[in-house]
N, C-alpha and C. Protein backbone atom coordinates (compact mmCIF):
# COMPACT_ATOMS: atom_id res chain seq x y z
N UNK A 1 -8.98 -66.93 8.62
CA UNK A 1 -8.30 -66.05 7.65
C UNK A 1 -9.28 -64.97 7.17
N UNK A 2 -8.88 -63.71 7.30
CA UNK A 2 -9.73 -62.59 6.90
C UNK A 2 -9.35 -62.15 5.48
N UNK A 3 -10.33 -62.15 4.60
CA UNK A 3 -10.09 -61.73 3.23
C UNK A 3 -10.34 -60.23 3.09
N UNK A 4 -9.37 -59.52 2.48
CA UNK A 4 -9.48 -58.08 2.29
C UNK A 4 -9.17 -57.75 0.83
N UNK A 5 -9.63 -56.58 0.40
CA UNK A 5 -9.43 -56.17 -0.99
C UNK A 5 -8.06 -55.54 -1.23
N UNK A 6 -7.54 -54.88 -0.20
CA UNK A 6 -6.24 -54.21 -0.32
C UNK A 6 -5.71 -53.95 1.08
N UNK A 7 -4.39 -53.71 1.16
CA UNK A 7 -3.72 -53.42 2.43
C UNK A 7 -3.08 -52.05 2.33
N UNK A 8 -3.41 -51.17 3.28
CA UNK A 8 -3.02 -49.76 3.19
C UNK A 8 -2.33 -49.32 4.48
N UNK A 9 -1.23 -48.60 4.32
CA UNK A 9 -0.55 -48.02 5.48
C UNK A 9 -1.18 -46.69 5.85
N UNK A 10 -1.38 -46.47 7.14
CA UNK A 10 -1.84 -45.18 7.65
C UNK A 10 -0.71 -44.42 8.35
N UNK A 11 0.55 -44.80 8.11
CA UNK A 11 1.65 -44.17 8.80
C UNK A 11 1.79 -44.78 10.19
N UNK A 12 2.46 -44.11 11.12
CA UNK A 12 3.03 -42.77 11.00
C UNK A 12 4.41 -42.74 10.35
N UNK A 13 4.99 -43.93 10.03
CA UNK A 13 6.29 -43.96 9.38
C UNK A 13 6.22 -44.96 8.23
N UNK A 14 7.37 -45.25 7.61
CA UNK A 14 7.38 -46.06 6.40
C UNK A 14 7.58 -47.55 6.67
N UNK A 15 7.70 -47.97 7.92
CA UNK A 15 7.95 -49.38 8.21
C UNK A 15 6.78 -50.26 7.76
N UNK A 16 5.57 -49.81 8.05
CA UNK A 16 4.41 -50.60 7.67
C UNK A 16 4.34 -50.82 6.16
N UNK A 17 4.57 -49.78 5.40
CA UNK A 17 4.52 -49.92 3.94
C UNK A 17 5.57 -50.89 3.44
N UNK A 18 6.76 -50.84 4.03
CA UNK A 18 7.82 -51.78 3.66
C UNK A 18 7.32 -53.22 3.79
N UNK A 19 6.67 -53.54 4.89
CA UNK A 19 6.22 -54.91 5.11
C UNK A 19 4.96 -55.25 4.31
N UNK A 20 4.10 -54.29 4.08
CA UNK A 20 2.93 -54.54 3.23
C UNK A 20 3.36 -54.88 1.81
N UNK A 21 4.35 -54.17 1.29
CA UNK A 21 4.86 -54.49 -0.04
C UNK A 21 5.55 -55.85 -0.05
N UNK A 22 6.27 -56.14 1.00
CA UNK A 22 6.98 -57.42 1.09
C UNK A 22 6.00 -58.59 1.10
N UNK A 23 4.89 -58.44 1.82
CA UNK A 23 3.94 -59.54 1.98
C UNK A 23 2.87 -59.56 0.88
N UNK A 24 2.34 -58.40 0.52
CA UNK A 24 1.21 -58.35 -0.39
C UNK A 24 1.55 -57.82 -1.78
N UNK A 25 2.73 -57.26 -1.96
CA UNK A 25 3.12 -56.74 -3.27
C UNK A 25 2.21 -55.63 -3.75
N UNK A 26 1.80 -55.72 -5.03
CA UNK A 26 0.98 -54.66 -5.62
C UNK A 26 -0.40 -54.54 -4.99
N UNK A 27 -0.81 -55.52 -4.19
CA UNK A 27 -2.10 -55.43 -3.51
C UNK A 27 -2.05 -54.46 -2.33
N UNK A 28 -0.88 -53.83 -2.11
CA UNK A 28 -0.78 -52.69 -1.21
C UNK A 28 -0.56 -51.45 -2.06
N UNK A 29 -1.64 -50.79 -2.49
CA UNK A 29 -1.51 -49.67 -3.43
C UNK A 29 -0.83 -48.46 -2.79
N UNK A 30 -0.21 -47.65 -3.63
CA UNK A 30 0.48 -46.45 -3.14
C UNK A 30 -0.51 -45.50 -2.49
N UNK A 31 -0.05 -44.83 -1.42
CA UNK A 31 -0.89 -43.85 -0.73
C UNK A 31 -0.05 -42.77 -0.10
N UNK A 32 -0.70 -41.73 0.35
CA UNK A 32 0.01 -40.56 0.84
C UNK A 32 0.74 -40.82 2.15
N UNK A 33 0.30 -41.81 2.93
CA UNK A 33 0.93 -42.06 4.23
C UNK A 33 2.09 -43.05 4.16
N UNK A 34 2.39 -43.55 2.96
CA UNK A 34 3.39 -44.62 2.84
C UNK A 34 4.77 -44.20 3.32
N UNK A 35 5.27 -43.07 2.82
CA UNK A 35 6.68 -42.73 3.01
C UNK A 35 6.90 -41.41 3.71
N UNK A 36 5.86 -40.72 4.13
CA UNK A 36 6.03 -39.52 4.94
C UNK A 36 5.79 -39.88 6.40
N UNK A 37 6.25 -39.04 7.31
CA UNK A 37 5.99 -39.23 8.74
C UNK A 37 4.72 -38.46 9.08
N UNK A 38 3.72 -39.18 9.56
CA UNK A 38 2.40 -38.59 9.81
C UNK A 38 1.95 -38.93 11.22
N UNK A 39 2.06 -38.01 12.17
CA UNK A 39 1.57 -38.28 13.52
C UNK A 39 0.07 -38.59 13.51
N UNK A 40 -0.42 -39.32 14.50
CA UNK A 40 -1.86 -39.64 14.53
C UNK A 40 -2.76 -38.42 14.45
N UNK A 41 -2.34 -37.32 15.07
CA UNK A 41 -3.15 -36.10 15.02
C UNK A 41 -3.25 -35.58 13.58
N UNK A 42 -2.15 -35.66 12.83
CA UNK A 42 -2.17 -35.22 11.44
C UNK A 42 -3.01 -36.15 10.58
N UNK A 43 -2.94 -37.45 10.85
CA UNK A 43 -3.78 -38.40 10.12
C UNK A 43 -5.25 -38.03 10.27
N UNK A 44 -5.65 -37.67 11.47
CA UNK A 44 -7.05 -37.30 11.67
C UNK A 44 -7.39 -36.01 10.94
N UNK A 45 -6.41 -35.10 10.82
CA UNK A 45 -6.65 -33.87 10.03
C UNK A 45 -6.84 -34.20 8.55
N UNK A 46 -6.05 -35.12 8.02
CA UNK A 46 -6.23 -35.54 6.62
C UNK A 46 -7.66 -36.04 6.41
N UNK A 47 -8.15 -36.85 7.31
CA UNK A 47 -9.50 -37.40 7.15
C UNK A 47 -10.56 -36.32 7.35
N UNK A 48 -10.36 -35.49 8.37
CA UNK A 48 -11.35 -34.45 8.68
C UNK A 48 -11.45 -33.43 7.55
N UNK A 49 -10.32 -33.13 6.90
CA UNK A 49 -10.29 -32.12 5.83
C UNK A 49 -10.38 -32.74 4.45
N UNK A 50 -10.67 -34.03 4.38
CA UNK A 50 -10.80 -34.75 3.12
C UNK A 50 -9.55 -34.57 2.26
N UNK A 51 -8.38 -34.63 2.90
CA UNK A 51 -7.08 -34.61 2.25
C UNK A 51 -6.76 -33.28 1.56
N UNK A 52 -7.40 -32.22 1.96
CA UNK A 52 -7.19 -30.91 1.33
C UNK A 52 -6.46 -29.96 2.28
N UNK A 53 -5.53 -29.17 1.73
CA UNK A 53 -4.89 -28.10 2.48
C UNK A 53 -3.82 -28.53 3.46
N UNK A 54 -3.25 -29.72 3.28
CA UNK A 54 -2.27 -30.22 4.25
C UNK A 54 -0.83 -30.20 3.72
N UNK A 55 -0.62 -29.57 2.57
CA UNK A 55 0.74 -29.50 2.01
C UNK A 55 0.95 -28.12 1.38
N UNK A 56 0.54 -27.08 2.11
CA UNK A 56 0.65 -25.72 1.60
C UNK A 56 2.08 -25.21 1.78
N UNK A 57 2.53 -24.44 0.81
CA UNK A 57 3.92 -23.96 0.83
C UNK A 57 4.22 -23.15 2.09
N UNK A 58 3.29 -22.34 2.56
CA UNK A 58 3.56 -21.49 3.71
C UNK A 58 3.73 -22.28 5.01
N UNK A 59 3.30 -23.54 5.00
CA UNK A 59 3.44 -24.37 6.20
C UNK A 59 4.75 -25.15 6.24
N UNK A 60 5.51 -25.15 5.15
CA UNK A 60 6.69 -26.00 5.04
C UNK A 60 7.97 -25.25 5.44
N UNK A 61 8.81 -25.93 6.20
CA UNK A 61 10.11 -25.39 6.61
C UNK A 61 11.15 -26.49 6.41
N UNK A 62 12.41 -26.09 6.34
CA UNK A 62 13.51 -27.05 6.19
C UNK A 62 14.30 -27.11 7.48
N UNK A 63 14.45 -28.32 8.02
CA UNK A 63 15.25 -28.54 9.22
C UNK A 63 16.28 -29.62 8.93
N UNK A 64 17.55 -29.24 8.98
CA UNK A 64 18.65 -30.18 8.76
C UNK A 64 18.46 -30.95 7.46
N UNK A 65 18.08 -30.26 6.42
CA UNK A 65 17.96 -30.85 5.10
C UNK A 65 16.69 -31.62 4.84
N UNK A 66 15.75 -31.64 5.80
CA UNK A 66 14.48 -32.37 5.65
C UNK A 66 13.33 -31.37 5.72
N UNK A 67 12.34 -31.55 4.86
CA UNK A 67 11.18 -30.67 4.83
C UNK A 67 10.15 -31.13 5.85
N UNK A 68 9.73 -30.19 6.69
CA UNK A 68 8.72 -30.44 7.72
C UNK A 68 7.53 -29.52 7.50
N UNK A 69 6.37 -30.01 7.88
CA UNK A 69 5.18 -29.18 7.90
C UNK A 69 5.01 -28.65 9.32
N UNK A 70 5.27 -27.35 9.49
CA UNK A 70 5.25 -26.76 10.83
C UNK A 70 3.86 -26.73 11.43
N UNK A 71 2.84 -26.78 10.59
CA UNK A 71 1.45 -26.71 11.08
C UNK A 71 0.94 -28.08 11.50
N UNK A 72 1.21 -29.11 10.69
CA UNK A 72 0.64 -30.43 10.96
C UNK A 72 1.67 -31.43 11.47
N UNK A 73 2.94 -31.02 11.57
CA UNK A 73 4.01 -31.83 12.15
C UNK A 73 4.33 -33.08 11.33
N UNK A 74 4.06 -33.06 10.03
CA UNK A 74 4.48 -34.15 9.16
C UNK A 74 5.87 -33.84 8.62
N UNK A 75 6.60 -34.87 8.23
CA UNK A 75 7.91 -34.66 7.60
C UNK A 75 7.95 -35.40 6.28
N UNK A 76 8.76 -34.88 5.36
CA UNK A 76 8.68 -35.30 3.95
C UNK A 76 10.07 -35.50 3.36
N UNK A 77 10.80 -36.45 3.92
CA UNK A 77 12.17 -36.64 3.46
C UNK A 77 12.26 -37.37 2.13
N UNK A 78 11.18 -38.01 1.68
CA UNK A 78 11.22 -38.71 0.40
C UNK A 78 10.66 -37.88 -0.75
N UNK A 79 9.95 -36.82 -0.47
CA UNK A 79 9.36 -36.00 -1.52
C UNK A 79 10.33 -34.96 -2.07
N UNK A 80 11.41 -34.70 -1.35
CA UNK A 80 12.38 -33.69 -1.73
C UNK A 80 13.78 -34.29 -1.72
N UNK A 81 14.72 -33.69 -2.46
CA UNK A 81 16.09 -34.20 -2.45
C UNK A 81 16.69 -34.12 -1.04
N UNK A 82 17.55 -35.07 -0.73
CA UNK A 82 18.24 -35.04 0.56
C UNK A 82 19.16 -33.82 0.63
N UNK A 83 19.27 -33.26 1.81
CA UNK A 83 20.15 -32.11 1.99
C UNK A 83 19.61 -30.82 1.41
N UNK A 84 18.30 -30.78 1.19
CA UNK A 84 17.68 -29.57 0.64
C UNK A 84 17.92 -28.38 1.55
N UNK A 85 18.11 -27.21 0.96
CA UNK A 85 18.23 -25.97 1.74
C UNK A 85 16.93 -25.18 1.60
N UNK A 86 16.73 -24.25 2.52
CA UNK A 86 15.52 -23.42 2.49
C UNK A 86 15.44 -22.64 1.18
N UNK A 87 16.60 -22.23 0.65
CA UNK A 87 16.60 -21.47 -0.59
C UNK A 87 16.17 -22.30 -1.80
N UNK A 88 16.28 -23.62 -1.69
CA UNK A 88 15.92 -24.49 -2.80
C UNK A 88 14.49 -25.01 -2.73
N UNK A 89 13.81 -24.75 -1.63
CA UNK A 89 12.49 -25.34 -1.42
C UNK A 89 11.49 -24.91 -2.48
N UNK A 90 11.47 -23.63 -2.83
CA UNK A 90 10.49 -23.15 -3.80
C UNK A 90 10.62 -23.86 -5.14
N UNK A 91 11.85 -24.15 -5.56
CA UNK A 91 12.06 -24.77 -6.86
C UNK A 91 11.52 -26.19 -6.91
N UNK A 92 11.58 -26.90 -5.80
CA UNK A 92 11.15 -28.30 -5.77
C UNK A 92 9.71 -28.48 -5.32
N UNK A 93 9.10 -27.43 -4.79
CA UNK A 93 7.77 -27.57 -4.22
C UNK A 93 6.69 -27.96 -5.24
N UNK A 94 6.63 -27.36 -6.44
CA UNK A 94 5.54 -27.73 -7.36
C UNK A 94 5.49 -29.22 -7.68
N UNK A 95 6.63 -29.83 -7.95
CA UNK A 95 6.64 -31.27 -8.26
C UNK A 95 6.24 -32.09 -7.04
N UNK A 96 6.73 -31.68 -5.86
CA UNK A 96 6.38 -32.41 -4.64
C UNK A 96 4.89 -32.28 -4.35
N UNK A 97 4.34 -31.10 -4.57
CA UNK A 97 2.90 -30.92 -4.32
C UNK A 97 2.06 -31.76 -5.29
N UNK A 98 2.48 -31.79 -6.56
CA UNK A 98 1.74 -32.59 -7.53
C UNK A 98 1.74 -34.07 -7.12
N UNK A 99 2.88 -34.55 -6.66
CA UNK A 99 2.96 -35.95 -6.22
C UNK A 99 2.11 -36.18 -4.97
N UNK A 100 2.16 -35.23 -4.03
CA UNK A 100 1.37 -35.35 -2.81
C UNK A 100 -0.12 -35.39 -3.13
N UNK A 101 -0.57 -34.52 -4.02
CA UNK A 101 -1.99 -34.49 -4.37
C UNK A 101 -2.41 -35.76 -5.10
N UNK A 102 -1.52 -36.29 -5.94
CA UNK A 102 -1.80 -37.56 -6.62
C UNK A 102 -2.01 -38.68 -5.60
N UNK A 103 -1.12 -38.75 -4.61
CA UNK A 103 -1.23 -39.80 -3.59
C UNK A 103 -2.44 -39.58 -2.69
N UNK A 104 -2.78 -38.33 -2.44
CA UNK A 104 -4.00 -38.05 -1.68
C UNK A 104 -5.23 -38.56 -2.42
N UNK A 105 -5.27 -38.34 -3.73
CA UNK A 105 -6.42 -38.82 -4.51
C UNK A 105 -6.52 -40.34 -4.46
N UNK A 106 -5.38 -41.02 -4.55
CA UNK A 106 -5.38 -42.48 -4.50
C UNK A 106 -5.87 -42.98 -3.14
N UNK A 107 -5.38 -42.35 -2.07
CA UNK A 107 -5.79 -42.76 -0.73
C UNK A 107 -7.26 -42.46 -0.49
N UNK A 108 -7.69 -41.28 -0.90
CA UNK A 108 -9.11 -40.91 -0.76
C UNK A 108 -10.01 -41.91 -1.50
N UNK A 109 -9.61 -42.28 -2.70
CA UNK A 109 -10.40 -43.20 -3.49
C UNK A 109 -10.55 -44.55 -2.79
N UNK A 110 -9.47 -45.03 -2.19
CA UNK A 110 -9.53 -46.31 -1.49
C UNK A 110 -10.41 -46.23 -0.25
N UNK A 111 -10.25 -45.17 0.52
CA UNK A 111 -11.01 -45.05 1.76
C UNK A 111 -12.47 -44.70 1.52
N UNK A 112 -12.77 -44.11 0.36
CA UNK A 112 -14.16 -43.82 0.01
C UNK A 112 -14.81 -44.99 -0.72
N UNK A 113 -14.00 -45.98 -1.10
CA UNK A 113 -14.51 -47.09 -1.89
C UNK A 113 -15.02 -48.24 -1.06
N UNK A 114 -14.93 -49.43 -1.64
CA UNK A 114 -15.48 -50.62 -1.01
C UNK A 114 -14.43 -51.33 -0.16
N UNK A 115 -14.87 -51.96 0.88
CA UNK A 115 -14.02 -52.80 1.70
C UNK A 115 -14.27 -54.26 1.37
N UNK A 116 -13.78 -55.12 2.22
CA UNK A 116 -13.00 -54.77 3.41
C UNK A 116 -11.55 -54.43 3.08
N UNK A 117 -10.97 -53.54 3.87
CA UNK A 117 -9.58 -53.15 3.74
C UNK A 117 -8.82 -53.55 4.99
N UNK A 118 -7.52 -53.77 4.81
CA UNK A 118 -6.61 -53.91 5.94
C UNK A 118 -5.87 -52.60 6.08
N UNK A 119 -6.03 -51.93 7.22
CA UNK A 119 -5.36 -50.67 7.50
C UNK A 119 -4.32 -50.93 8.58
N UNK A 120 -3.12 -50.41 8.36
CA UNK A 120 -1.99 -50.74 9.23
C UNK A 120 -1.38 -49.47 9.80
N UNK A 121 -1.20 -49.48 11.10
CA UNK A 121 -0.49 -48.40 11.80
C UNK A 121 0.90 -48.92 12.13
N UNK A 122 1.92 -48.17 11.73
CA UNK A 122 3.27 -48.71 11.63
C UNK A 122 4.17 -48.52 12.85
N UNK A 123 3.58 -48.37 14.02
CA UNK A 123 4.39 -48.33 15.23
C UNK A 123 3.50 -48.71 16.42
N UNK A 124 4.10 -49.11 17.51
CA UNK A 124 3.29 -49.41 18.70
C UNK A 124 2.67 -48.12 19.25
N UNK A 125 1.38 -48.18 19.53
CA UNK A 125 0.67 -47.01 20.07
C UNK A 125 -0.31 -47.48 21.14
N UNK A 126 -0.67 -46.60 22.06
CA UNK A 126 -1.66 -46.97 23.07
C UNK A 126 -3.01 -47.31 22.44
N UNK A 127 -3.79 -48.08 23.15
CA UNK A 127 -5.09 -48.50 22.65
C UNK A 127 -6.00 -47.33 22.32
N UNK A 128 -5.89 -46.23 23.08
CA UNK A 128 -6.77 -45.10 22.81
C UNK A 128 -6.43 -44.42 21.48
N UNK A 129 -5.15 -44.50 21.07
CA UNK A 129 -4.78 -43.94 19.77
C UNK A 129 -5.39 -44.79 18.65
N UNK A 130 -5.29 -46.11 18.78
CA UNK A 130 -5.90 -47.00 17.80
C UNK A 130 -7.40 -46.76 17.73
N UNK A 131 -8.04 -46.61 18.88
CA UNK A 131 -9.48 -46.36 18.91
C UNK A 131 -9.82 -45.03 18.23
N UNK A 132 -8.98 -44.01 18.44
CA UNK A 132 -9.22 -42.72 17.80
C UNK A 132 -9.09 -42.79 16.30
N UNK A 133 -8.08 -43.52 15.82
CA UNK A 133 -7.91 -43.68 14.37
C UNK A 133 -9.08 -44.48 13.79
N UNK A 134 -9.50 -45.54 14.49
CA UNK A 134 -10.63 -46.34 14.02
C UNK A 134 -11.89 -45.47 13.90
N UNK A 135 -12.12 -44.64 14.90
CA UNK A 135 -13.30 -43.77 14.86
C UNK A 135 -13.21 -42.75 13.74
N UNK A 136 -12.00 -42.22 13.50
CA UNK A 136 -11.83 -41.22 12.44
C UNK A 136 -12.09 -41.83 11.06
N UNK A 137 -11.60 -43.05 10.83
CA UNK A 137 -11.85 -43.71 9.56
C UNK A 137 -13.35 -43.99 9.39
N UNK A 138 -13.99 -44.43 10.46
CA UNK A 138 -15.43 -44.71 10.39
C UNK A 138 -16.24 -43.46 10.12
N UNK A 139 -15.82 -42.33 10.68
CA UNK A 139 -16.51 -41.07 10.38
C UNK A 139 -16.30 -40.68 8.92
N UNK A 140 -15.10 -40.93 8.42
CA UNK A 140 -14.78 -40.54 7.04
C UNK A 140 -15.64 -41.32 6.04
N UNK A 141 -15.81 -42.61 6.29
CA UNK A 141 -16.67 -43.42 5.43
C UNK A 141 -17.42 -44.42 6.30
N UNK A 142 -18.61 -44.07 6.76
CA UNK A 142 -19.35 -44.94 7.69
C UNK A 142 -19.67 -46.31 7.11
N UNK A 143 -19.66 -46.45 5.79
CA UNK A 143 -20.02 -47.73 5.18
C UNK A 143 -18.81 -48.64 4.95
N UNK A 144 -17.62 -48.12 5.18
CA UNK A 144 -16.42 -48.92 4.91
C UNK A 144 -16.21 -49.98 5.98
N UNK A 145 -16.00 -51.21 5.56
CA UNK A 145 -15.58 -52.27 6.48
C UNK A 145 -14.07 -52.40 6.40
N UNK A 146 -13.44 -52.51 7.56
CA UNK A 146 -11.98 -52.55 7.57
C UNK A 146 -11.49 -53.22 8.84
N UNK A 147 -10.25 -53.69 8.77
CA UNK A 147 -9.52 -54.19 9.92
C UNK A 147 -8.35 -53.23 10.16
N UNK A 148 -8.16 -52.82 11.39
CA UNK A 148 -7.08 -51.92 11.74
C UNK A 148 -6.15 -52.62 12.72
N UNK A 149 -4.88 -52.73 12.34
CA UNK A 149 -3.88 -53.35 13.22
C UNK A 149 -2.72 -52.38 13.41
N UNK A 150 -2.07 -52.49 14.55
CA UNK A 150 -0.90 -51.67 14.86
C UNK A 150 0.28 -52.57 15.20
N UNK A 151 1.46 -52.10 14.88
CA UNK A 151 2.67 -52.86 15.18
C UNK A 151 2.78 -53.13 16.68
N UNK A 152 3.02 -54.38 17.07
CA UNK A 152 3.24 -54.66 18.49
C UNK A 152 4.62 -54.16 18.93
N UNK A 153 4.81 -53.92 20.22
CA UNK A 153 6.09 -53.36 20.69
C UNK A 153 7.30 -54.17 20.27
N UNK A 154 7.18 -55.50 20.21
CA UNK A 154 8.34 -56.32 19.87
C UNK A 154 8.74 -56.19 18.40
N UNK A 155 7.90 -55.53 17.60
CA UNK A 155 8.24 -55.33 16.19
C UNK A 155 9.21 -54.20 15.95
N UNK A 156 9.27 -53.24 16.88
CA UNK A 156 10.09 -52.04 16.71
C UNK A 156 11.50 -52.29 17.23
N UNK A 157 12.23 -53.15 16.53
CA UNK A 157 13.60 -53.48 16.92
C UNK A 157 14.52 -53.34 15.72
N UNK A 158 15.84 -53.22 16.00
CA UNK A 158 16.80 -53.17 14.91
C UNK A 158 16.72 -51.88 14.12
N UNK A 159 16.89 -51.99 12.82
CA UNK A 159 16.89 -50.79 11.97
C UNK A 159 15.46 -50.34 11.69
N UNK A 160 15.30 -49.43 10.72
CA UNK A 160 13.99 -48.84 10.46
C UNK A 160 12.95 -49.86 10.01
N UNK A 161 13.39 -51.02 9.50
CA UNK A 161 12.42 -52.00 9.01
C UNK A 161 11.80 -52.82 10.13
N UNK A 162 12.39 -52.82 11.34
CA UNK A 162 11.83 -53.58 12.43
C UNK A 162 12.00 -55.08 12.24
N UNK A 163 11.15 -55.85 12.89
CA UNK A 163 11.25 -57.31 12.88
C UNK A 163 10.33 -57.90 11.81
N UNK A 164 10.90 -58.54 10.79
CA UNK A 164 10.10 -59.19 9.76
C UNK A 164 9.27 -60.32 10.34
N UNK A 165 9.82 -61.03 11.30
CA UNK A 165 9.09 -62.14 11.91
C UNK A 165 7.83 -61.65 12.61
N UNK A 166 7.95 -60.55 13.35
CA UNK A 166 6.79 -60.00 14.05
C UNK A 166 5.75 -59.51 13.05
N UNK A 167 6.21 -58.85 11.99
CA UNK A 167 5.28 -58.35 10.99
C UNK A 167 4.61 -59.49 10.22
N UNK A 168 5.34 -60.55 9.96
CA UNK A 168 4.72 -61.70 9.30
C UNK A 168 3.56 -62.25 10.15
N UNK A 169 3.79 -62.33 11.47
CA UNK A 169 2.74 -62.83 12.36
C UNK A 169 1.55 -61.86 12.41
N UNK A 170 1.84 -60.55 12.37
CA UNK A 170 0.78 -59.55 12.42
C UNK A 170 -0.12 -59.61 11.18
N UNK A 171 0.49 -59.86 10.02
CA UNK A 171 -0.25 -59.85 8.77
C UNK A 171 -0.78 -61.22 8.37
N UNK A 172 -0.33 -62.27 9.04
CA UNK A 172 -0.71 -63.63 8.66
C UNK A 172 -2.21 -63.89 8.65
N UNK A 173 -3.03 -63.27 9.51
CA UNK A 173 -4.48 -63.57 9.48
C UNK A 173 -5.21 -63.01 8.27
N UNK A 174 -4.51 -62.28 7.40
CA UNK A 174 -5.20 -61.59 6.31
C UNK A 174 -4.69 -62.10 4.96
N UNK A 175 -5.60 -62.12 4.00
CA UNK A 175 -5.21 -62.51 2.65
C UNK A 175 -5.95 -61.63 1.65
N UNK A 176 -5.30 -61.40 0.52
CA UNK A 176 -5.92 -60.68 -0.59
C UNK A 176 -6.53 -61.72 -1.52
N UNK A 177 -7.77 -61.52 -1.91
CA UNK A 177 -8.43 -62.46 -2.81
C UNK A 177 -7.72 -62.56 -4.15
N UNK A 178 -7.82 -63.73 -4.82
CA UNK A 178 -7.11 -63.92 -6.10
C UNK A 178 -7.46 -62.88 -7.15
N UNK A 179 -8.72 -62.52 -7.28
CA UNK A 179 -9.11 -61.54 -8.29
C UNK A 179 -8.54 -60.17 -7.96
N UNK A 180 -8.57 -59.79 -6.68
CA UNK A 180 -8.00 -58.50 -6.29
C UNK A 180 -6.49 -58.48 -6.49
N UNK A 181 -5.82 -59.60 -6.22
CA UNK A 181 -4.38 -59.70 -6.48
C UNK A 181 -4.09 -59.57 -7.97
N UNK A 182 -4.91 -60.22 -8.79
CA UNK A 182 -4.71 -60.15 -10.23
C UNK A 182 -4.88 -58.74 -10.75
N UNK A 183 -5.93 -58.06 -10.29
CA UNK A 183 -6.16 -56.68 -10.72
C UNK A 183 -5.03 -55.77 -10.26
N UNK A 184 -4.59 -55.94 -9.01
CA UNK A 184 -3.52 -55.10 -8.47
C UNK A 184 -2.22 -55.35 -9.22
N UNK A 185 -1.93 -56.62 -9.52
CA UNK A 185 -0.70 -56.94 -10.25
C UNK A 185 -0.70 -56.35 -11.65
N UNK A 186 -1.85 -56.43 -12.34
CA UNK A 186 -1.95 -55.86 -13.69
C UNK A 186 -1.79 -54.35 -13.65
N UNK A 187 -2.43 -53.70 -12.67
CA UNK A 187 -2.31 -52.25 -12.55
C UNK A 187 -0.89 -51.84 -12.22
N UNK A 188 -0.23 -52.59 -11.33
CA UNK A 188 1.15 -52.28 -10.98
C UNK A 188 2.08 -52.45 -12.16
N UNK A 189 1.90 -53.50 -12.95
CA UNK A 189 2.74 -53.72 -14.13
C UNK A 189 2.54 -52.61 -15.15
N UNK A 190 1.30 -52.18 -15.32
CA UNK A 190 1.03 -51.08 -16.27
C UNK A 190 1.70 -49.80 -15.82
N UNK A 191 1.61 -49.49 -14.51
CA UNK A 191 2.23 -48.26 -14.02
C UNK A 191 3.75 -48.31 -14.19
N UNK A 192 4.36 -49.46 -13.90
CA UNK A 192 5.81 -49.55 -14.05
C UNK A 192 6.23 -49.41 -15.51
N UNK A 193 5.48 -50.05 -16.41
CA UNK A 193 5.81 -49.97 -17.83
C UNK A 193 5.59 -48.55 -18.35
N UNK A 194 4.48 -47.94 -17.95
CA UNK A 194 4.20 -46.57 -18.38
C UNK A 194 5.26 -45.62 -17.87
N UNK A 195 5.69 -45.80 -16.61
CA UNK A 195 6.72 -44.93 -16.03
C UNK A 195 8.03 -45.03 -16.77
N UNK A 196 8.42 -46.25 -17.17
CA UNK A 196 9.67 -46.41 -17.90
C UNK A 196 9.59 -45.74 -19.26
N UNK A 197 8.44 -45.87 -19.93
CA UNK A 197 8.31 -45.22 -21.23
C UNK A 197 8.36 -43.71 -21.11
N UNK A 198 7.69 -43.19 -20.07
CA UNK A 198 7.70 -41.73 -19.88
C UNK A 198 9.11 -41.24 -19.60
N UNK A 199 9.87 -42.01 -18.80
CA UNK A 199 11.24 -41.61 -18.50
C UNK A 199 12.11 -41.64 -19.75
N UNK A 200 11.86 -42.64 -20.65
CA UNK A 200 12.64 -42.76 -21.88
C UNK A 200 12.34 -41.60 -22.82
N UNK A 201 11.06 -41.22 -22.90
CA UNK A 201 10.67 -40.13 -23.81
C UNK A 201 11.11 -38.77 -23.30
N UNK A 202 11.23 -38.64 -21.99
CA UNK A 202 11.57 -37.36 -21.41
C UNK A 202 10.32 -36.53 -21.20
N UNK A 203 10.47 -35.31 -20.65
CA UNK A 203 9.29 -34.48 -20.36
C UNK A 203 8.58 -34.05 -21.62
N UNK A 204 7.27 -33.96 -21.52
CA UNK A 204 6.46 -33.50 -22.64
C UNK A 204 6.47 -31.98 -22.70
N UNK A 205 6.75 -31.45 -23.87
CA UNK A 205 6.82 -29.99 -24.04
C UNK A 205 5.43 -29.41 -23.89
N UNK A 206 5.31 -28.24 -23.26
CA UNK A 206 4.00 -27.62 -23.12
C UNK A 206 3.42 -27.22 -24.46
N UNK A 207 2.11 -27.28 -24.58
CA UNK A 207 1.45 -26.91 -25.83
C UNK A 207 1.51 -25.41 -26.04
């Protein structure tokens, strides 16, 4: 059994995050790759550019109601309302960018911090892609210890969530230590409570 401090999705889709939350709960902290579609090439750009300049307004286009990054080929169907039109993009962009930058900071902090981490790639990919991602993470933080796993082909069945049985087997060799689970649970409870209070109070008026 491999003990890790946290479990993080590296994309390219949201299936991995779904199963990390199901298995590890709050010990899978929120990150920028959780719910956007991020091709392996774009993931390497995030690491190479230290998460900067990858969500610029001039790079974003709307295709069939979904926002795409024409430069980096990422898609962002959860950051914007469904059915968004090109005319509405400017109005929603500032809030989406603020959220994206927040998640980038959280992901950067984890990858720049201490390991060991469990990093998960959420679809079957060739071995050379896994090797490329492993090398990119190691270049980003040479001192980080981590385990990188990718979904096996038999996991990509059924609806978008894939096979829970296959994912259970993939994640079974890893465990989050009790202290790390406790810290993650406390942080998650605080964020949920704080979010509910903020929603109850409504937006804060500018000074």
